[in-house]
Amino acid sequence: MNITQLQYLISAAQFGSFTKAASVHHLTVPTISQSIRQLEEEMDTIIFHRTKKGVAPTVEGELVLKHAAAILKNIDSMQHELLILKEDHMESITIATIPGFVPQVVQATLELMQSYPTLKVQMIEGDTQTVIKHVQDGYANMGLLSYSKSQQNSSLEWVPIVDGNAVIVMNVSSPLRYFKTISPEALENEAFVLYKDEHIENIAHYLMSASAGNRISLITNNTDALVQMVVKGNAITIAPDFIVNTLSSTYKEQLVTVPIEQLSSDNKAILGRITKVNEPVPKMVEEFTTKLTDRVNHISRQMD
């Protein structure tokens, strides 16, 4: 007797047919029939009445099926508990992240390694859609990205780490720095450089709408390229304030941020973690998230 035989047995009883059971398991009818016949011989019991219309369990078969179902259920529970136990002791995680948050991922890793010296973190950089795909396909245990409420969907678990606001980022010489808030009407003949993200691009199109002279001159997921275009090329960009706060002091000294006027609450920026839906989150992922959250909140308090 083995697990596979019990699975064939349950399927045959469920469908009342060896033919349907064979189809479900992608096997031939003789294979299913022979497997169940071996079980009957092993237990010296007739499990099914066989007729031209199909199969039906005997009285003894009902008892066998009851115990077979219980055995398979216990095996499923054992495998689930083993998975949780394995994940609780996991000291290796793969993180997909947007490029702008790489420095904070590195710092959180260094802090976590103080408690777990053998910790191995694999980091994958990509734009928002790449991060989502890596998590959905199981390549990454978790993803870190900036998103709006409207981008959330039920295919993933979305855990916010910090809320923020989208801001206009310009160099210290830009006349826009004197605005308290910026509306589309305040922008004319501006060159936008944008992070490759649907949320950011939607805000950019809103801001560019009042002047035909506004244009997008670069779209990239390279944070250094964006900053260089703003600092040296007099371009402007859009970014969540928490991303700007995590830039190096050298960069921040050359940049100014101004809030965007009249953005709806749906366009608020959120830094969050994504994981696969309906799957247990490994303990190491939770601990990493805690370290990262502490870092981000500490930086935010310093900026207030």
C-alpha atoms as a PDB file:
ATOM      1  CA  MET A   1       0.000   0.000   0.000  1.00  0.00           C
ATOM      2  CA  ASN A   2       1.275   3.456  -0.871  1.00  0.00           C
ATOM      3  CA  ILE A   3       0.018   7.047  -1.044  1.00  0.00           C
ATOM      4  CA  THR A   4      -0.490   6.935  -4.811  1.00  0.00           C
ATOM      5  CA  GLN A   5      -2.724   3.865  -4.556  1.00  0.00           C
ATOM      6  CA  LEU A   6      -4.876   5.600  -1.941  1.00  0.00           C
ATOM      7  CA  GLN A   7      -5.212   8.647  -4.186  1.00  0.00           C
ATOM      8  CA  TYR A   8      -6.379   6.427  -7.081  1.00  0.00           C
ATOM      9  CA  LEU A   9      -8.811   4.715  -4.715  1.00  0.00           C
ATOM     10  CA  ILE A  10     -10.379   8.003  -3.577  1.00  0.00           C
ATOM     11  CA  SER A  11     -10.679   9.271  -7.155  1.00  0.00           C
ATOM     12  CA  ALA A  12     -12.378   6.074  -8.334  1.00  0.00           C
ATOM     13  CA  ALA A  13     -14.902   6.328  -5.486  1.00  0.00           C
ATOM     14  CA  GLN A  14     -15.461  10.056  -6.078  1.00  0.00           C
ATOM     15  CA  PHE A  15     -16.227   9.631  -9.802  1.00  0.00           C
ATOM     16  CA  GLY A  16     -17.706   6.122  -9.629  1.00  0.00           C
ATOM     17  CA  SER A  17     -15.564   5.200 -12.583  1.00  0.00           C
ATOM     18  CA  PHE A  18     -12.088   3.842 -13.236  1.00  0.00           C
ATOM     19  CA  THR A  19     -12.166   5.619 -16.600  1.00  0.00           C
ATOM     20  CA  LYS A  20     -12.705   9.077 -15.071  1.00  0.00           C
ATOM     21  CA  ALA A  21     -10.133   8.383 -12.339  1.00  0.00           C
ATOM     22  CA  ALA A  22      -7.601   7.389 -15.017  1.00  0.00           C
ATOM     23  CA  SER A  23      -8.330  10.606 -16.929  1.00  0.00           C
ATOM     24  CA  VAL A  24      -7.817  12.791 -13.826  1.00  0.00           C
ATOM     25  CA  HIS A  25      -4.450  11.156 -13.062  1.00  0.00           C
ATOM     26  CA  HIS A  26      -3.405  11.021 -16.752  1.00  0.00           C
ATOM     27  CA  LEU A  27      -3.118   7.234 -16.659  1.00  0.00           C
ATOM     28  CA  THR A  28      -4.658   4.302 -18.512  1.00  0.00           C
ATOM     29  CA  VAL A  29      -7.724   2.502 -17.148  1.00  0.00           C
ATOM     30  CA  PRO A  30      -5.795  -0.797 -16.715  1.00  0.00           C
ATOM     31  CA  THR A  31      -3.221   1.020 -14.544  1.00  0.00           C
ATOM     32  CA  ILE A  32      -5.940   2.289 -12.166  1.00  0.00           C
ATOM     33  CA  SER A  33      -7.721  -1.045 -12.170  1.00  0.00           C
ATOM     34  CA  GLN A  34      -4.529  -3.002 -11.460  1.00  0.00           C
ATOM     35  CA  SER A  35      -3.533  -0.638  -8.632  1.00  0.00           C
ATOM     36  CA  ILE A  36      -6.887  -1.053  -6.877  1.00  0.00           C
ATOM     37  CA  ARG A  37      -6.857  -4.818  -7.492  1.00  0.00           C
ATOM     38  CA  GLN A  38      -3.471  -4.990  -5.734  1.00  0.00           C
ATOM     39  CA  LEU A  39      -4.957  -3.144  -2.748  1.00  0.00           C
ATOM     40  CA  GLU A  40      -7.875  -5.573  -2.612  1.00  0.00           C
ATOM     41  CA  GLU A  41      -5.502  -8.538  -2.681  1.00  0.00           C
ATOM     42  CA  GLU A  42      -3.258  -6.994  -0.020  1.00  0.00           C
ATOM     43  CA  MET A  43      -6.196  -6.403   2.336  1.00  0.00           C
ATOM     44  CA  ASP A  44      -8.082  -9.557   1.248  1.00  0.00           C
ATOM     45  CA  THR A  45     -11.159  -7.372   0.708  1.00  0.00           C
ATOM     46  CA  ILE A  46     -13.335  -6.439  -2.263  1.00  0.00           C
ATOM     47  CA  ILE A  47     -13.410  -2.647  -2.227  1.00  0.00           C
ATOM     48  CA  PHE A  48     -15.622  -1.974  -5.287  1.00  0.00           C
ATOM     49  CA  HIS A  49     -18.545  -3.626  -7.002  1.00  0.00           C
ATOM     50  CA  ARG A  50     -17.715  -3.473 -10.697  1.00  0.00           C
ATOM     51  CA  THR A  51     -20.552  -3.028 -13.213  1.00  0.00           C
ATOM     52  CA  LYS A  52     -20.914  -1.857 -16.797  1.00  0.00           C
ATOM     53  CA  LYS A  53     -22.096   1.526 -15.461  1.00  0.00           C
ATOM     54  CA  GLY A  54     -19.057   2.006 -13.254  1.00  0.00           C
ATOM     55  CA  VAL A  55     -17.933   1.107  -9.732  1.00  0.00           C
ATOM     56  CA  ALA A  56     -19.483   1.469  -6.291  1.00  0.00           C
ATOM     57  CA  PRO A  57     -17.872   0.741  -2.903  1.00  0.00           C
ATOM     58  CA  THR A  58     -18.840  -2.384  -0.986  1.00  0.00           C
ATOM     59  CA  VAL A  59     -19.590  -2.193   2.753  1.00  0.00           C
ATOM     60  CA  GLU A  60     -15.986  -3.144   3.413  1.00  0.00           C
ATOM     61  CA  GLY A  61     -14.934  -0.622   0.748  1.00  0.00           C
ATOM     62  CA  GLU A  62     -16.714   2.200   2.575  1.00  0.00           C
ATOM     63  CA  LEU A  63     -14.578   1.424   5.644  1.00  0.00           C
ATOM     64  CA  VAL A  64     -11.392   1.326   3.560  1.00  0.00           C
ATOM     65  CA  LEU A  65     -12.275   4.635   1.894  1.00  0.00           C
ATOM     66  CA  LYS A  66     -12.955   6.277   5.250  1.00  0.00           C
ATOM     67  CA  HIS A  67      -9.510   5.352   6.560  1.00  0.00           C
ATOM     68  CA  ALA A  68      -7.814   6.139   3.232  1.00  0.00           C
ATOM     69  CA  ALA A  69      -9.247   9.687   3.299  1.00  0.00           C
ATOM     70  CA  ALA A  70      -8.061  10.144   6.879  1.00  0.00           C
ATOM     71  CA  ILE A  71      -4.566   8.917   5.974  1.00  0.00           C
ATOM     72  CA  LEU A  72      -4.287  11.329   3.018  1.00  0.00           C
ATOM     73  CA  LYS A  73      -5.540  14.215   5.154  1.00  0.00           C
ATOM     74  CA  ASN A  74      -2.927  13.452   7.828  1.00  0.00           C
ATOM     75  CA  ILE A  75      -0.214  13.304   5.173  1.00  0.00           C
ATOM     76  CA  ASP A  76      -1.283  16.729   3.838  1.00  0.00           C
ATOM     77  CA  SER A  77      -1.161  18.138   7.388  1.00  0.00           C
ATOM     78  CA  MET A  78       2.284  16.624   7.946  1.00  0.00           C
ATOM     79  CA  GLN A  79       3.630  18.114   4.699  1.00  0.00           C
ATOM     80  CA  HIS A  80       2.194  21.539   5.578  1.00  0.00           C
ATOM     81  CA  GLU A  81       3.753  21.461   9.064  1.00  0.00           C
ATOM     82  CA  LEU A  82       7.087  20.351   7.605  1.00  0.00           C
ATOM     83  CA  LEU A  83       6.966  23.284   5.174  1.00  0.00           C
ATOM     84  CA  ILE A  84       6.324  25.732   8.008  1.00  0.00           C
ATOM     85  CA  LEU A  85       9.134  24.177  10.086  1.00  0.00           C
ATOM     86  CA  LYS A  86      11.507  24.440   7.128  1.00  0.00           C
ATOM     87  CA  GLU A  87      10.575  28.074   6.502  1.00  0.00           C
ATOM     88  CA  ASP A  88      10.963  28.975  10.196  1.00  0.00           C
ATOM     89  CA  HIS A  89      14.581  27.818  10.014  1.00  0.00           C
ATOM     90  CA  MET A  90      15.278  29.318   6.597  1.00  0.00           C
ATOM     91  CA  GLU A  91      18.267  31.628   6.548  1.00  0.00           C
ATOM     92  CA  SER A  92      18.109  32.384   2.844  1.00  0.00           C
ATOM     93  CA  ILE A  93      15.671  34.755   1.158  1.00  0.00           C
ATOM     94  CA  THR A  94      15.309  36.253  -2.301  1.00  0.00           C
ATOM     95  CA  ILE A  95      14.073  39.839  -2.488  1.00  0.00           C
ATOM     96  CA  ALA A  96      12.864  41.590  -5.623  1.00  0.00           C
ATOM     97  CA  THR A  97      13.053  45.355  -5.227  1.00  0.00           C
ATOM     98  CA  ILE A  98      12.772  48.592  -7.161  1.00  0.00           C
ATOM     99  CA  PRO A  99      16.242  50.153  -7.674  1.00  0.00           C
ATOM    100  CA  GLY A 100      15.538  53.238  -5.563  1.00  0.00           C
ATOM    101  CA  PHE A 101      15.283  51.120  -2.453  1.00  0.00           C
ATOM    102  CA  VAL A 102      18.412  49.014  -2.879  1.00  0.00           C
ATOM    103  CA  PRO A 103      20.483  50.936  -0.257  1.00  0.00           C
ATOM    104  CA  GLN A 104      17.860  50.300   2.427  1.00  0.00           C
ATOM    105  CA  VAL A 105      17.665  46.610   1.527  1.00  0.00           C
ATOM    106  CA  VAL A 106      21.443  46.379   1.954  1.00  0.00           C
ATOM    107  CA  GLN A 107      21.352  48.139   5.333  1.00  0.00           C
ATOM    108  CA  ALA A 108      18.494  45.964   6.607  1.00  0.00           C
ATOM    109  CA  THR A 109      20.443  42.886   5.485  1.00  0.00           C
ATOM    110  CA  LEU A 110      23.535  44.008   7.410  1.00  0.00           C
ATOM    111  CA  GLU A 111      21.455  44.560  10.545  1.00  0.00           C
ATOM    112  CA  LEU A 112      19.726  41.176  10.252  1.00  0.00           C
ATOM    113  CA  MET A 113      23.068  39.417   9.759  1.00  0.00           C
ATOM    114  CA  GLN A 114      24.006  40.449  13.295  1.00  0.00           C
ATOM    115  CA  SER A 115      21.378  37.970  14.513  1.00  0.00           C
ATOM    116  CA  TYR A 116      21.799  35.489  11.656  1.00  0.00           C
ATOM    117  CA  PRO A 117      25.490  35.417  10.628  1.00  0.00           C
ATOM    118  CA  THR A 118      24.872  32.764   7.947  1.00  0.00           C
ATOM    119  CA  LEU A 119      22.004  34.693   6.352  1.00  0.00           C
ATOM    120  CA  LYS A 120      22.087  34.699   2.548  1.00  0.00           C
ATOM    121  CA  VAL A 121      20.071  37.345   0.717  1.00  0.00           C
ATOM    122  CA  GLN A 122      19.682  37.307  -3.044  1.00  0.00           C
ATOM    123  CA  MET A 123      18.521  40.667  -4.370  1.00  0.00           C
ATOM    124  CA  ILE A 124      16.869  41.168  -7.758  1.00  0.00           C
ATOM    125  CA  GLU A 125      16.440  44.724  -9.082  1.00  0.00           C
ATOM    126  CA  GLY A 126      13.672  45.657 -11.484  1.00  0.00           C
ATOM    127  CA  ASP A 127      10.816  47.992 -12.225  1.00  0.00           C
ATOM    128  CA  THR A 128       7.417  47.584 -10.563  1.00  0.00           C
ATOM    129  CA  GLN A 129       6.045  45.023 -13.030  1.00  0.00           C
ATOM    130  CA  THR A 130       9.258  42.972 -12.863  1.00  0.00           C
ATOM    131  CA  VAL A 131       9.094  42.879  -9.058  1.00  0.00           C
ATOM    132  CA  ILE A 132       5.460  41.746  -9.178  1.00  0.00           C
ATOM    133  CA  LYS A 133       6.222  39.023 -11.733  1.00  0.00           C
ATOM    134  CA  HIS A 134       9.174  37.649  -9.732  1.00  0.00           C
ATOM    135  CA  VAL A 135       6.934  37.252  -6.676  1.00  0.00           C
ATOM    136  CA  GLN A 136       3.978  35.806  -8.612  1.00  0.00           C
ATOM    137  CA  ASP A 137       6.234  33.270 -10.359  1.00  0.00           C
ATOM    138  CA  GLY A 138       7.904  32.234  -7.106  1.00  0.00           C
ATOM    139  CA  TYR A 139      11.387  33.499  -7.981  1.00  0.00           C
ATOM    140  CA  ALA A 140      11.351  35.859  -4.982  1.00  0.00           C
ATOM    141  CA  ASN A 141      10.096  35.296  -1.431  1.00  0.00           C
ATOM    142  CA  MET A 142       9.058  38.935  -1.238  1.00  0.00           C
ATOM    143  CA  GLY A 143       8.953  42.113  -3.292  1.00  0.00           C
ATOM    144  CA  LEU A 144       9.501  45.755  -2.325  1.00  0.00           C
ATOM    145  CA  LEU A 145       7.913  48.478  -4.395  1.00  0.00           C
ATOM    146  CA  SER A 146       6.169  51.818  -4.385  1.00  0.00           C
ATOM    147  CA  TYR A 147       2.513  51.694  -5.390  1.00  0.00           C
ATOM    148  CA  SER A 148      -0.859  53.430  -5.125  1.00  0.00           C
ATOM    149  CA  LYS A 149      -4.066  51.957  -3.718  1.00  0.00           C
ATOM    150  CA  SER A 150      -5.457  51.555  -7.233  1.00  0.00           C
ATOM    151  CA  GLN A 151      -2.566  49.255  -8.200  1.00  0.00           C
ATOM    152  CA  GLN A 152      -3.343  46.657  -5.534  1.00  0.00           C
ATOM    153  CA  ASN A 153      -4.995  43.438  -6.668  1.00  0.00           C
ATOM    154  CA  SER A 154      -6.118  40.208  -5.037  1.00  0.00           C
ATOM    155  CA  SER A 155      -3.395  38.069  -6.623  1.00  0.00           C
ATOM    156  CA  LEU A 156      -0.861  39.259  -4.014  1.00  0.00           C
ATOM    157  CA  GLU A 157      -0.677  40.120  -0.321  1.00  0.00           C
ATOM    158  CA  TRP A 158       0.104  43.846   0.015  1.00  0.00           C
ATOM    159  CA  VAL A 159       1.631  44.942   3.317  1.00  0.00           C
ATOM    160  CA  PRO A 160       2.289  48.701   3.616  1.00  0.00           C
ATOM    161  CA  ILE A 161       5.558  49.725   5.251  1.00  0.00           C
ATOM    162  CA  VAL A 162       5.251  53.506   5.033  1.00  0.00           C
ATOM    163  CA  ASP A 163       2.819  55.959   3.432  1.00  0.00           C
ATOM    164  CA  GLY A 164       4.068  58.985   1.563  1.00  0.00           C
ATOM    165  CA  ASN A 165       3.323  61.541  -1.095  1.00  0.00           C
ATOM    166  CA  ALA A 166       4.445  61.950  -4.664  1.00  0.00           C
ATOM    167  CA  VAL A 167       6.548  65.113  -5.044  1.00  0.00           C
ATOM    168  CA  ILE A 168       8.192  67.066  -7.842  1.00  0.00           C
ATOM    169  CA  VAL A 169      11.982  66.806  -7.648  1.00  0.00           C
ATOM    170  CA  MET A 170      14.150  69.553  -9.163  1.00  0.00           C
ATOM    171  CA  ASN A 171      17.668  70.904  -8.797  1.00  0.00           C
ATOM    172  CA  VAL A 172      18.471  73.723  -6.384  1.00  0.00           C
ATOM    173  CA  SER A 173      18.656  76.286  -9.228  1.00  0.00           C
ATOM    174  CA  SER A 174      15.149  75.652 -10.551  1.00  0.00           C
ATOM    175  CA  PRO A 175      12.671  78.552 -10.187  1.00  0.00           C
ATOM    176  CA  LEU A 176      10.033  75.941  -9.335  1.00  0.00           C
ATOM    177  CA  ARG A 177      11.635  75.550  -5.921  1.00  0.00           C
ATOM    178  CA  TYR A 178       9.818  78.671  -4.708  1.00  0.00           C
ATOM    179  CA  PHE A 179       6.352  77.155  -5.160  1.00  0.00           C
ATOM    180  CA  LYS A 180       4.631  75.802  -2.044  1.00  0.00           C
ATOM    181  CA  THR A 181       2.721  73.314  -4.217  1.00  0.00           C
ATOM    182  CA  ILE A 182       2.823  72.642  -7.945  1.00  0.00           C
ATOM    183  CA  SER A 183      -0.218  72.323 -10.230  1.00  0.00           C
ATOM    184  CA  PRO A 184      -0.301  71.608 -13.982  1.00  0.00           C
ATOM    185  CA  GLU A 185      -0.748  75.332 -14.646  1.00  0.00           C
ATOM    186  CA  ALA A 186       2.611  76.070 -12.989  1.00  0.00           C
ATOM    187  CA  LEU A 187       4.504  73.915 -15.466  1.00  0.00           C
ATOM    188  CA  GLU A 188       5.417  75.096 -18.935  1.00  0.00           C
ATOM    189  CA  ASN A 189       8.096  73.794 -21.317  1.00  0.00           C
ATOM    190  CA  GLU A 190       9.457  71.421 -18.683  1.00  0.00           C
ATOM    191  CA  ALA A 191      11.455  68.287 -19.473  1.00  0.00           C
ATOM    192  CA  PHE A 192      10.329  65.336 -17.357  1.00  0.00           C
ATOM    193  CA  VAL A 193      12.525  62.347 -16.588  1.00  0.00           C
ATOM    194  CA  LEU A 194      10.517  59.505 -15.119  1.00  0.00           C
ATOM    195  CA  TYR A 195      10.967  56.294 -13.220  1.00  0.00           C
ATOM    196  CA  LYS A 196       9.418  53.473 -15.265  1.00  0.00           C
ATOM    197  CA  ASP A 197       6.191  52.928 -13.350  1.00  0.00           C
ATOM    198  CA  GLU A 198       2.493  53.193 -14.246  1.00  0.00           C
ATOM    199  CA  HIS A 199       1.676  55.233 -11.123  1.00  0.00           C
ATOM    200  CA  ILE A 200       4.441  57.783 -11.785  1.00  0.00           C
ATOM    201  CA  GLU A 201       3.578  58.062 -15.476  1.00  0.00           C
ATOM    202  CA  ASN A 202      -0.098  58.736 -14.673  1.00  0.00           C
ATOM    203  CA  ILE A 203       0.869  61.609 -12.359  1.00  0.00           C
ATOM    204  CA  ALA A 204       3.234  62.968 -15.022  1.00  0.00           C
ATOM    205  CA  HIS A 205       0.488  63.041 -17.654  1.00  0.00           C
ATOM    206  CA  TYR A 206      -1.763  64.913 -15.208  1.00  0.00           C
ATOM    207  CA  LEU A 207       0.954  67.521 -14.571  1.00  0.00           C
ATOM    208  CA  MET A 208       1.863  67.892 -18.241  1.00  0.00           C
ATOM    209  CA  SER A 209      -1.741  68.400 -19.354  1.00  0.00           C
ATOM    210  CA  ALA A 210      -1.826  72.221 -19.146  1.00  0.00           C
ATOM    211  CA  SER A 211       1.026  72.927 -21.561  1.00  0.00           C
ATOM    212  CA  ALA A 212       1.832  71.365 -24.925  1.00  0.00           C
ATOM    213  CA  GLY A 213       5.447  72.389 -24.384  1.00  0.00           C
ATOM    214  CA  ASN A 214       5.939  69.904 -21.544  1.00  0.00           C
ATOM    215  CA  ARG A 215       7.600  66.681 -22.622  1.00  0.00           C
ATOM    216  CA  ILE A 216       9.050  63.414 -21.350  1.00  0.00           C
ATOM    217  CA  SER A 217      12.713  63.182 -22.289  1.00  0.00           C
ATOM    218  CA  LEU A 218      13.699  59.990 -20.436  1.00  0.00           C
ATOM    219  CA  ILE A 219      12.018  56.955 -18.842  1.00  0.00           C
ATOM    220  CA  THR A 220      14.281  54.603 -16.892  1.00  0.00           C
ATOM    221  CA  ASN A 221      14.469  52.553 -13.719  1.00  0.00           C
ATOM    222  CA  ASN A 222      18.016  53.748 -13.046  1.00  0.00           C
ATOM    223  CA  THR A 223      17.874  56.113 -10.063  1.00  0.00           C
ATOM    224  CA  ASP A 224      21.360  57.546 -10.680  1.00  0.00           C
ATOM    225  CA  ALA A 225      20.442  58.417 -14.268  1.00  0.00           C
ATOM    226  CA  LEU A 226      17.310  60.248 -13.099  1.00  0.00           C
ATOM    227  CA  VAL A 227      19.207  62.242 -10.481  1.00  0.00           C
ATOM    228  CA  GLN A 228      21.944  63.181 -12.946  1.00  0.00           C
ATOM    229  CA  MET A 229      19.353  64.410 -15.454  1.00  0.00           C
ATOM    230  CA  VAL A 230      17.731  66.552 -12.748  1.00  0.00           C
ATOM    231  CA  VAL A 231      20.986  67.925 -11.315  1.00  0.00           C
ATOM    232  CA  LYS A 232      22.894  68.489 -14.559  1.00  0.00           C
ATOM    233  CA  GLY A 233      20.172  68.634 -17.186  1.00  0.00           C
ATOM    234  CA  ASN A 234      17.669  70.903 -15.448  1.00  0.00           C
ATOM    235  CA  ALA A 235      14.970  68.261 -15.861  1.00  0.00           C
ATOM    236  CA  ILE A 236      12.330  67.526 -13.245  1.00  0.00           C
ATOM    237  CA  THR A 237      11.137  64.175 -12.008  1.00  0.00           C
ATOM    238  CA  ILE A 238       8.394  62.717  -9.827  1.00  0.00           C
ATOM    239  CA  ALA A 239       9.087  60.412  -6.917  1.00  0.00           C
ATOM    240  CA  PRO A 240       7.589  59.306  -3.604  1.00  0.00           C
ATOM    241  CA  ASP A 241       9.028  61.432  -0.806  1.00  0.00           C
ATOM    242  CA  PHE A 242      10.236  58.343   1.069  1.00  0.00           C
ATOM    243  CA  ILE A 243      12.427  57.395  -1.913  1.00  0.00           C
ATOM    244  CA  VAL A 244      13.939  60.898  -2.016  1.00  0.00           C
ATOM    245  CA  ASN A 245      14.582  60.705   1.737  1.00  0.00           C
ATOM    246  CA  THR A 246      16.707  57.587   1.273  1.00  0.00           C
ATOM    247  CA  LEU A 247      19.042  59.159  -1.293  1.00  0.00           C
ATOM    248  CA  SER A 248      22.612  59.896  -0.297  1.00  0.00           C
ATOM    249  CA  SER A 249      23.324  63.224   1.400  1.00  0.00           C
ATOM    250  CA  THR A 250      25.370  64.273  -1.662  1.00  0.00           C
ATOM    251  CA  TYR A 251      22.338  63.920  -3.888  1.00  0.00           C
ATOM    252  CA  LYS A 252      19.898  65.478  -1.420  1.00  0.00           C
ATOM    253  CA  GLU A 253      22.071  68.613  -1.139  1.00  0.00           C
ATOM    254  CA  GLN A 254      21.534  69.207  -4.874  1.00  0.00           C
ATOM    255  CA  LEU A 255      17.795  68.562  -4.939  1.00  0.00           C
ATOM    256  CA  VAL A 256      14.594  70.300  -3.832  1.00  0.00           C
ATOM    257  CA  THR A 257      11.153  68.719  -3.538  1.00  0.00           C
ATOM    258  CA  VAL A 258       7.764  70.436  -3.832  1.00  0.00           C
ATOM    259  CA  PRO A 259       4.390  68.760  -3.148  1.00  0.00           C
ATOM    260  CA  ILE A 260       1.936  68.203  -6.002  1.00  0.00           C
ATOM    261  CA  GLU A 261      -1.339  70.086  -5.729  1.00  0.00           C
ATOM    262  CA  GLN A 262      -4.719  68.306  -5.584  1.00  0.00           C
ATOM    263  CA  LEU A 263      -3.679  64.683  -5.937  1.00  0.00           C
ATOM    264  CA  SER A 264      -6.449  62.303  -4.884  1.00  0.00           C
ATOM    265  CA  SER A 265      -5.973  59.898  -1.983  1.00  0.00           C
ATOM    266  CA  ASP A 266      -5.803  57.034  -4.518  1.00  0.00           C
ATOM    267  CA  ASN A 267      -2.597  58.593  -5.850  1.00  0.00           C
ATOM    268  CA  LYS A 268      -0.897  58.609  -2.464  1.00  0.00           C
ATOM    269  CA  ALA A 269       2.377  56.722  -2.596  1.00  0.00           C
ATOM    270  CA  ILE A 270       2.873  53.608  -0.483  1.00  0.00           C
ATOM    271  CA  LEU A 271       6.096  51.720   0.095  1.00  0.00           C
ATOM    272  CA  GLY A 272       5.124  48.131   0.688  1.00  0.00           C
ATOM    273  CA  ARG A 273       5.971  44.455   0.669  1.00  0.00           C
ATOM    274  CA  ILE A 274       4.276  41.935  -1.569  1.00  0.00           C
ATOM    275  CA  THR A 275       4.152  38.166  -1.130  1.00  0.00           C
ATOM    276  CA  LYS A 276       2.198  35.369  -2.798  1.00  0.00           C
ATOM    277  CA  VAL A 277      -1.413  35.175  -1.687  1.00  0.00           C
ATOM    278  CA  ASN A 278      -2.631  32.287   0.509  1.00  0.00           C
ATOM    279  CA  GLU A 279       0.896  31.112   1.310  1.00  0.00           C
ATOM    280  CA  PRO A 280       2.588  31.260   4.725  1.00  0.00           C
ATOM    281  CA  VAL A 281       5.125  34.072   4.989  1.00  0.00           C
ATOM    282  CA  PRO A 282       8.526  32.690   6.102  1.00  0.00           C
ATOM    283  CA  LYS A 283       9.772  33.860   9.481  1.00  0.00           C
ATOM    284  CA  MET A 284      12.929  35.342   7.929  1.00  0.00           C
ATOM    285  CA  VAL A 285      10.837  37.451   5.554  1.00  0.00           C
ATOM    286  CA  GLU A 286       8.848  38.809   8.498  1.00  0.00           C
ATOM    287  CA  GLU A 287      12.032  39.629  10.428  1.00  0.00           C
ATOM    288  CA  PHE A 288      13.558  41.313   7.397  1.00  0.00           C
ATOM    289  CA  THR A 289      10.380  43.369   6.936  1.00  0.00           C
ATOM    290  CA  THR A 290      10.537  44.472  10.573  1.00  0.00           C
ATOM    291  CA  LYS A 291      14.159  45.620  10.204  1.00  0.00           C
ATOM    292  CA  LEU A 292      13.338  47.475   7.007  1.00  0.00           C
ATOM    293  CA  THR A 293      10.275  49.139   8.528  1.00  0.00           C
ATOM    294  CA  ASP A 294      12.304  50.324  11.522  1.00  0.00           C
ATOM    295  CA  ARG A 295      14.913  51.844   9.188  1.00  0.00           C
ATOM    296  CA  VAL A 296      12.388  53.622   6.991  1.00  0.00           C
ATOM    297  CA  ASN A 297      10.449  55.019   9.950  1.00  0.00           C
ATOM    298  CA  HIS A 298      13.709  56.227  11.529  1.00  0.00           C
ATOM    299  CA  ILE A 299      14.635  58.061   8.331  1.00  0.00           C
ATOM    300  CA  SER A 300      11.148  59.581   8.101  1.00  0.00           C
ATOM    301  CA  ARG A 301      11.351  60.887  11.686  1.00  0.00           C
ATOM    302  CA  GLN A 302      14.713  62.477  10.915  1.00  0.00           C
ATOM    303  CA  MET A 303      13.212  64.307   7.919  1.00  0.00           C
ATOM    304  CA  ASP A 304      10.221  65.688   9.870  1.00  0.00           C
END
